């Protein structure tokens, strides 16, 4: 027996299906009692391919286990076992994405964990189970802004004088349209293996350098600037953080950076904005990178490198003090960007990154969401105090 969507708490149901549509069968996946994904159950082959795709880096053993589970679920569907399936509207949204993708598709809808930028991320598979498109739907002020921003970034990346095609693979925009009055961005799927593998360090560094050299030609945007302009903007965002954020501590750290390096003589560069193990994967050409919604053209050199390392550290036990580790590793980690003899500058990059992410997490209201980094003070405060003690001992 299948279950009607009305009997299940489906996140963003009104946004996904504002006009209804003919029922489509989905296999619901839950975690801790919360629906996290709806997988297409109309075709056993498509279900198997959708279920077998990892949503982040995983070991070969874990991937083999996932593949076995996917095969068993598909076999159950082939045998007609419909217990636990969910019936939801599917026609209109499915048809719209199919029209943009240029082929008939089945949809896998992912919701992710509760957080400020949570939104439906929709994978579109063709009848052979190949992922052909990925769509994002803005469902609030923040996610609407991010979806529209990402569409502009991806378009600019592909039309610039140095398009991101070698070493770095970037999704193309198939369409940006309105869906129920909300922005729907449909991207071409990057062709990466079913098992998400983090790129080797040498390849990843080459891709990070490629991001730092991106120079699209879209007029007034993406002009080169110095880091002092960025620091002024960061100061405004930190100063606007709500209580009980220790705003003065953050502003004092920013002042220490300005006392350490000449921000006005320090050129900025583009950064991906969320360069992490979740958002990059090894591919045939080098590195495939998605989720460009936090891209900015004017950040200190090495921000992506530092961000990737911080995300690795945040997945370790909290006692490792991720922010402190990043600060201590910065002279070696960022030497390719700033030279072997610039420890103060590299540590300043680490501090600016920590402050940038603090402004993001606290400004977006992401405290306590359970995602890596959402317990901001545990990794920012100790690092800022160590940076202050280094400055004080000079």
Protein backbone atom coordinates (compact mmCIF):
# COMPACT_ATOMS: atom_id res chain seq x y z
CA UNK A 1 0.00 0.00 0.00
CA UNK A 2 1.20 3.51 -0.73
CA UNK A 3 0.75 6.45 1.62
CA UNK A 4 -0.78 9.75 0.59
CA UNK A 5 1.45 12.82 0.89
CA UNK A 6 -1.15 14.52 3.10
CA UNK A 7 -0.48 11.94 5.82
CA UNK A 8 3.26 12.66 5.88
CA UNK A 9 5.04 15.87 6.85
CA UNK A 10 6.82 16.70 3.60
CA UNK A 11 8.99 19.83 3.90
CA UNK A 12 8.13 22.62 1.47
CA UNK A 13 5.21 20.63 -0.01
CA UNK A 14 3.29 23.81 -0.90
CA UNK A 15 6.34 25.22 -2.69
CA UNK A 16 7.07 22.02 -4.60
CA UNK A 17 3.51 21.35 -5.72
CA UNK A 18 1.56 24.63 -5.61
CA UNK A 19 -0.82 23.45 -8.31
CA UNK A 20 -1.00 19.76 -7.44
CA UNK A 21 -0.43 17.37 -10.35
CA UNK A 22 -0.96 13.70 -10.99
CA UNK A 23 0.29 11.38 -8.21
CA UNK A 24 3.81 10.01 -8.44
CA UNK A 25 5.19 7.23 -6.25
CA UNK A 26 8.20 8.01 -4.09
CA UNK A 27 10.23 6.00 -1.62
CA UNK A 28 10.56 8.18 1.52
CA UNK A 29 13.89 8.19 3.36
CA UNK A 30 13.86 9.42 6.96
CA UNK A 31 16.54 10.19 9.52
CA UNK A 32 15.76 10.63 13.22
CA UNK A 33 12.08 10.65 12.38
CA UNK A 34 12.42 13.45 9.82
CA UNK A 35 11.81 13.03 6.09
CA UNK A 36 15.08 13.79 4.28
CA UNK A 37 14.49 12.52 0.73
CA UNK A 38 11.82 11.33 -1.69
CA UNK A 39 13.24 8.87 -4.23
CA UNK A 40 11.53 7.98 -7.52
CA UNK A 41 9.82 4.59 -7.29
CA UNK A 42 8.12 4.39 -10.68
CA UNK A 43 11.11 2.65 -12.26
CA UNK A 44 13.23 0.04 -10.43
CA UNK A 45 16.27 1.03 -12.49
CA UNK A 46 15.93 4.72 -11.70
CA UNK A 47 15.28 3.96 -8.02
CA UNK A 48 18.42 1.84 -7.85
CA UNK A 49 20.55 4.53 -9.48
CA UNK A 50 19.11 7.28 -7.27
CA UNK A 51 19.54 5.30 -4.07
CA UNK A 52 23.07 4.23 -4.98
CA UNK A 53 24.34 7.81 -5.38
CA UNK A 54 26.16 9.04 -2.30
CA UNK A 55 25.39 12.48 -0.90
CA UNK A 56 28.95 13.00 0.29
CA UNK A 57 32.37 11.36 0.43
CA UNK A 58 32.26 7.71 1.41
CA UNK A 59 34.60 4.73 1.59
CA UNK A 60 34.54 1.96 -0.96
CA UNK A 61 33.06 -0.43 1.61
CA UNK A 62 30.26 1.97 2.52
CA UNK A 63 29.53 2.57 -1.15
CA UNK A 64 29.31 -1.17 -1.83
CA UNK A 65 26.89 -1.50 1.06
CA UNK A 66 24.82 1.37 -0.30
CA UNK A 67 24.78 -0.24 -3.75
CA UNK A 68 23.58 -3.53 -2.26
CA UNK A 69 20.75 -1.77 -0.42
CA UNK A 70 19.80 0.05 -3.61
CA UNK A 71 19.70 -3.21 -5.57
CA UNK A 72 17.49 -4.83 -2.92
CA UNK A 73 15.09 -1.88 -2.90
CA UNK A 74 14.87 -1.94 -6.69
CA UNK A 75 14.25 -5.68 -6.67
CA UNK A 76 11.40 -5.13 -4.25
CA UNK A 77 9.86 -2.58 -6.58
CA UNK A 78 10.28 -4.91 -9.53
CA UNK A 79 8.44 -7.59 -7.58
CA UNK A 80 5.60 -5.19 -6.91
CA UNK A 81 6.25 -4.51 -3.24
CA UNK A 82 4.65 -1.08 -2.78
CA UNK A 83 4.50 -1.07 1.01
CA UNK A 84 5.69 2.20 2.49
CA UNK A 85 5.64 4.18 -0.76
CA UNK A 86 4.46 7.77 -0.72
CA UNK A 87 2.09 9.20 -3.31
CA UNK A 88 2.77 12.86 -4.02
CA UNK A 89 1.91 15.28 -6.83
CA UNK A 90 4.54 14.98 -9.50
CA UNK A 91 3.25 15.89 -12.92
CA UNK A 92 3.64 19.64 -13.10
CA UNK A 93 7.07 19.99 -11.50
CA UNK A 94 8.35 16.87 -13.24
CA UNK A 95 7.11 18.16 -16.57
CA UNK A 96 8.65 21.60 -16.06
CA UNK A 97 12.08 20.20 -15.25
CA UNK A 98 11.81 17.71 -18.12
CA UNK A 99 11.05 20.57 -20.49
CA UNK A 100 14.12 22.49 -19.33
CA UNK A 101 16.35 19.39 -19.31
CA UNK A 102 15.18 18.36 -22.77
CA UNK A 103 14.23 14.81 -21.83
CA UNK A 104 11.70 12.89 -19.75
CA UNK A 105 12.82 12.64 -16.15
CA UNK A 106 12.04 11.12 -12.78
CA UNK A 107 12.75 13.22 -9.70
CA UNK A 108 14.59 12.55 -6.47
CA UNK A 109 13.86 15.33 -3.98
CA UNK A 110 16.27 15.99 -1.11
CA UNK A 111 15.57 18.29 1.82
CA UNK A 112 18.72 18.12 3.94
CA UNK A 113 18.97 18.87 7.66
CA UNK A 114 17.15 21.83 9.24
CA UNK A 115 19.21 24.99 8.72
CA UNK A 116 18.83 28.54 7.47
CA UNK A 117 19.59 27.76 3.83
CA UNK A 118 17.53 24.55 3.71
CA UNK A 119 15.67 24.17 0.45
CA UNK A 120 14.57 21.39 -1.90
CA UNK A 121 17.42 20.09 -4.06
CA UNK A 122 15.99 18.02 -6.90
CA UNK A 123 17.88 15.43 -8.94
CA UNK A 124 16.45 14.60 -12.35
CA UNK A 125 17.16 11.14 -13.83
CA UNK A 126 16.42 10.01 -17.36
CA UNK A 127 14.81 6.64 -18.16
CA UNK A 128 18.23 4.93 -18.10
CA UNK A 129 18.91 6.15 -14.58
CA UNK A 130 21.46 8.77 -15.60
CA UNK A 131 21.53 12.00 -13.60
CA UNK A 132 20.92 14.71 -16.20
CA UNK A 133 20.02 17.79 -14.13
CA UNK A 134 19.96 19.18 -10.61
CA UNK A 135 17.43 21.83 -9.59
CA UNK A 136 17.20 24.14 -6.59
CA UNK A 137 14.04 25.89 -5.44
CA UNK A 138 14.12 29.07 -3.39
CA UNK A 139 11.62 28.85 -0.54
CA UNK A 140 12.37 31.92 1.59
CA UNK A 141 14.23 35.23 1.48
CA UNK A 142 17.68 33.74 2.06
CA UNK A 143 17.30 30.73 -0.23
CA UNK A 144 15.70 32.87 -2.94
CA UNK A 145 18.71 35.20 -2.83
CA UNK A 146 21.13 32.26 -2.93
CA UNK A 147 19.41 30.51 -5.85
CA UNK A 148 19.33 33.67 -7.97
CA UNK A 149 22.93 34.49 -7.06
CA UNK A 150 24.13 31.01 -8.00
CA UNK A 151 22.37 31.22 -11.37
CA UNK A 152 24.21 34.44 -12.17
CA UNK A 153 27.55 33.06 -10.99
CA UNK A 154 27.28 29.88 -13.07
CA UNK A 155 26.26 31.83 -16.15
CA UNK A 156 29.22 34.19 -15.72
CA UNK A 157 31.64 31.32 -15.17
CA UNK A 158 30.73 29.82 -18.53
CA UNK A 159 30.77 33.00 -20.60
CA UNK A 160 33.95 34.65 -19.35
CA UNK A 161 37.26 34.91 -21.21
CA UNK A 162 38.65 32.13 -19.04
CA UNK A 163 35.69 29.75 -18.61
CA UNK A 164 36.07 27.05 -15.99
CA UNK A 165 36.44 24.03 -18.23
CA UNK A 166 39.92 22.58 -17.64
CA UNK A 167 40.94 21.18 -14.25
CA UNK A 168 37.73 22.60 -12.76
CA UNK A 169 34.27 21.42 -13.84
CA UNK A 170 31.34 23.74 -13.12
CA UNK A 171 27.63 23.07 -13.78
CA UNK A 172 26.03 24.89 -16.66
CA UNK A 173 22.69 26.66 -16.32
CA UNK A 174 19.90 24.92 -18.21
CA UNK A 175 17.30 27.37 -17.03
CA UNK A 176 16.23 29.82 -14.34
CA UNK A 177 12.48 30.03 -14.16
CA UNK A 178 9.66 30.79 -11.73
CA UNK A 179 7.82 27.98 -10.01
CA UNK A 180 4.83 28.97 -7.91
CA UNK A 181 6.28 32.47 -7.70
CA UNK A 182 9.63 31.14 -6.49
CA UNK A 183 12.94 30.88 -8.39
CA UNK A 184 13.75 27.45 -9.78
CA UNK A 185 17.33 26.97 -11.00
CA UNK A 186 17.97 23.92 -13.19
CA UNK A 187 21.64 23.03 -13.70
CA UNK A 188 23.28 20.47 -15.93
CA UNK A 189 24.50 17.54 -13.85
CA UNK A 190 28.24 17.12 -13.50
CA UNK A 191 29.33 13.66 -14.61
CA UNK A 192 31.11 12.19 -11.61
CA UNK A 193 31.32 8.57 -10.45
CA UNK A 194 28.50 7.21 -8.32
CA UNK A 195 30.88 7.03 -5.36
CA UNK A 196 31.83 10.50 -4.21
CA UNK A 197 35.62 10.61 -3.92
CA UNK A 198 37.41 13.66 -2.53
CA UNK A 199 40.00 14.89 -5.06
CA UNK A 200 43.65 14.20 -4.32
CA UNK A 201 45.41 17.20 -2.73
CA UNK A 202 47.41 18.08 -5.85
CA UNK A 203 44.31 18.14 -8.05
CA UNK A 204 42.33 20.04 -5.46
CA UNK A 205 45.04 22.69 -5.13
CA UNK A 206 45.11 23.09 -8.91
CA UNK A 207 41.35 23.64 -8.87
CA UNK A 208 41.65 26.13 -6.00
CA UNK A 209 44.20 28.10 -8.01
CA UNK A 210 41.82 27.96 -10.96
CA UNK A 211 39.02 29.45 -8.89
CA UNK A 212 41.34 32.23 -7.75
CA UNK A 213 42.07 33.14 -11.39
CA UNK A 214 38.47 33.24 -12.61
CA UNK A 215 37.82 36.43 -14.56
CA UNK A 216 34.39 36.47 -16.22
CA UNK A 217 33.39 39.50 -18.27
CA UNK A 218 30.01 40.58 -17.07
CA UNK A 219 30.56 44.30 -16.79
CA UNK A 220 30.43 45.90 -13.37
CA UNK A 221 30.74 42.67 -11.37
CA UNK A 222 33.88 40.69 -10.47
CA UNK A 223 36.32 43.60 -10.64
CA UNK A 224 39.56 43.20 -8.72
CA UNK A 225 39.68 44.97 -5.38
CA UNK A 226 41.92 45.04 -2.35
CA UNK A 227 41.14 43.22 0.88
CA UNK A 228 40.48 46.45 2.78
CA UNK A 229 37.18 46.87 0.91
CA UNK A 230 36.21 43.34 1.88
CA UNK A 231 37.25 43.92 5.49
CA UNK A 232 35.03 47.00 5.70
CA UNK A 233 32.05 44.97 4.50
CA UNK A 234 32.89 42.18 6.95
CA UNK A 235 33.04 44.73 9.77
CA UNK A 236 29.52 45.89 8.93
CA UNK A 237 28.18 42.33 8.93
CA UNK A 238 29.89 41.46 12.21
CA UNK A 239 28.64 44.67 13.81
CA UNK A 240 25.06 43.79 12.86
CA UNK A 241 25.09 40.34 14.50
CA UNK A 242 22.36 39.85 17.10
CA UNK A 243 22.98 39.30 20.79
CA UNK A 244 24.45 37.38 22.53
CA UNK A 245 27.22 37.27 19.92
CA UNK A 246 30.49 38.67 21.34
CA UNK A 247 30.64 41.29 18.60
CA UNK A 248 33.40 43.36 20.18
CA UNK A 249 35.69 40.32 20.34
CA UNK A 250 35.15 39.78 16.61
CA UNK A 251 35.79 43.44 15.77
CA UNK A 252 38.93 43.47 17.91
CA UNK A 253 40.22 40.45 15.99
CA UNK A 254 39.54 42.25 12.72
CA UNK A 255 41.49 45.25 13.98
CA UNK A 256 44.42 42.99 14.89
CA UNK A 257 44.45 41.65 11.34
CA UNK A 258 44.53 45.21 10.00
CA UNK A 259 47.47 45.95 12.32
CA UNK A 260 49.28 42.82 11.09
CA UNK A 261 49.03 43.22 7.32
CA UNK A 262 48.45 46.12 4.93
CA UNK A 263 44.96 45.31 3.70
CA UNK A 264 45.03 48.18 1.20
CA UNK A 265 48.00 46.59 -0.60
CA UNK A 266 46.62 43.07 -0.49
CA UNK A 267 44.79 42.06 -3.70
CA UNK A 268 41.64 39.99 -3.36
CA UNK A 269 40.55 37.05 -5.51
CA UNK A 270 37.42 35.00 -6.22
CA UNK A 271 36.45 32.18 -3.89
CA UNK A 272 33.92 29.38 -4.24
CA UNK A 273 32.38 30.19 -0.87
CA UNK A 274 31.68 26.65 0.33
CA UNK A 275 34.71 24.69 -0.82
CA UNK A 276 34.36 21.52 1.24
CA UNK A 277 34.50 17.72 0.93
CA UNK A 278 30.73 17.74 0.39
CA UNK A 279 30.89 20.03 -2.63
CA UNK A 280 33.87 18.82 -4.66
CA UNK A 281 34.58 15.42 -6.17
CA UNK A 282 37.22 13.78 -8.32
CA UNK A 283 36.22 13.67 -11.99
CA UNK A 284 37.81 12.69 -15.28
CA UNK A 285 38.87 16.26 -16.03
CA UNK A 286 40.11 16.98 -12.51
CA UNK A 287 37.72 18.40 -9.93
CA UNK A 288 33.95 18.79 -10.20
CA UNK A 289 32.59 21.55 -7.98
CA UNK A 290 28.98 22.46 -7.27
CA UNK A 291 27.02 24.67 -4.81
CA UNK A 292 28.35 28.04 -5.96
CA UNK A 293 25.64 29.95 -4.12
CA UNK A 294 28.13 31.57 -1.69
CA UNK A 295 30.61 32.61 -4.38
CA UNK A 296 32.22 36.04 -4.01
CA UNK A 297 34.84 37.77 -6.17
CA UNK A 298 36.74 39.64 -3.45
CA UNK A 299 38.19 37.46 -0.72
CA UNK A 300 41.78 36.98 0.48
CA UNK A 301 43.90 34.54 -1.49
CA UNK A 302 43.72 31.08 0.03
CA UNK A 303 40.20 31.31 1.47
CA UNK A 304 39.08 28.14 -0.32
CA UNK A 305 42.14 26.21 0.83
CA UNK A 306 41.59 27.30 4.42
CA UNK A 307 37.85 26.62 4.27
CA UNK A 308 38.35 23.08 2.99
CA UNK A 309 40.80 22.33 5.81
CA UNK A 310 38.48 23.83 8.42
CA UNK A 311 35.62 21.63 7.21
CA UNK A 312 37.86 18.60 7.64
CA UNK A 313 38.77 19.72 11.16
CA UNK A 314 35.15 20.40 12.10
CA UNK A 315 34.32 16.75 11.48
CA UNK A 316 36.78 15.71 14.17
CA UNK A 317 35.93 15.59 17.89
CA UNK A 318 35.36 19.13 19.30
CA UNK A 319 38.30 18.69 21.70
CA UNK A 320 40.65 19.09 18.73
CA UNK A 321 39.74 22.82 18.63
CA UNK A 322 39.30 23.18 14.84
CA UNK A 323 39.84 26.94 14.72
CA UNK A 324 43.06 26.77 16.74
CA UNK A 325 44.35 23.94 14.54
CA UNK A 326 43.63 25.99 11.43
CA UNK A 327 45.47 28.98 12.86
CA UNK A 328 48.51 26.88 13.72
CA UNK A 329 48.56 25.11 10.36
CA UNK A 330 48.09 28.30 8.33
CA UNK A 331 51.79 29.08 7.65
CA UNK A 332 52.26 25.67 6.00
CA UNK A 333 48.73 25.27 4.61
CA UNK A 334 48.73 28.62 2.81
CA UNK A 335 52.39 28.85 1.85
CA UNK A 336 51.55 28.21 -1.83
CA UNK A 337 49.41 31.35 -1.78
CA UNK A 338 51.55 33.69 0.32
CA UNK A 339 55.05 32.25 0.48
CA UNK A 340 57.03 30.36 3.07
CA UNK A 341 58.09 33.50 4.94
CA UNK A 342 54.69 35.07 5.63
CA UNK A 343 53.37 33.43 8.81
CA UNK A 344 51.57 36.56 10.01
CA UNK A 345 49.80 37.02 6.71
CA UNK A 346 48.74 33.38 6.49
CA UNK A 347 47.44 33.41 10.06
CA UNK A 348 45.56 36.61 9.19
CA UNK A 349 43.88 34.75 6.30
CA UNK A 350 42.79 32.04 8.74
CA UNK A 351 41.34 34.62 11.15
CA UNK A 352 39.48 36.43 8.37
CA UNK A 353 37.99 33.14 7.22
CA UNK A 354 36.85 32.31 10.76
CA UNK A 355 35.25 35.75 11.04
CA UNK A 356 33.61 35.38 7.61
CA UNK A 357 32.03 32.08 8.59
CA UNK A 358 31.01 33.49 11.95
CA UNK A 359 29.15 36.31 10.19
CA UNK A 360 27.49 33.74 7.93
CA UNK A 361 26.43 31.26 10.60
CA UNK A 362 25.26 33.83 13.13
CA UNK A 363 23.81 36.20 10.54
CA UNK A 364 21.77 33.42 8.94
CA UNK A 365 20.65 31.99 12.27
CA UNK A 366 22.38 28.62 11.87
CA UNK A 367 23.30 28.09 15.51
CA UNK A 368 22.36 24.68 16.88
CA UNK A 369 21.26 23.18 13.55
CA UNK A 370 23.56 20.20 13.98
CA UNK A 371 25.64 20.93 10.88
CA UNK A 372 29.43 21.09 11.18
CA UNK A 373 30.33 24.54 12.40
CA UNK A 374 26.93 25.47 13.83
CA UNK A 375 28.42 25.63 17.37
CA UNK A 376 30.38 28.71 16.40
CA UNK A 377 31.92 29.76 19.71
CA UNK A 378 33.56 26.37 20.24
CA UNK A 379 35.80 26.85 17.22
CA UNK A 380 36.00 30.63 16.73
CA UNK A 381 36.57 31.95 20.25
CA UNK A 382 39.67 29.87 21.15
CA UNK A 383 41.30 30.69 17.80
CA UNK A 384 40.71 34.44 18.17
CA UNK A 385 42.13 34.39 21.69
CA UNK A 386 45.22 32.53 20.51
CA UNK A 387 45.66 35.04 17.69
CA UNK A 388 45.38 37.86 20.23
CA UNK A 389 48.00 36.26 22.48
CA UNK A 390 50.39 35.90 19.54
CA UNK A 391 50.00 39.56 18.71
CA UNK A 392 50.38 40.55 22.37
CA UNK A 393 53.64 38.65 22.75
CA UNK A 394 55.38 40.34 19.86
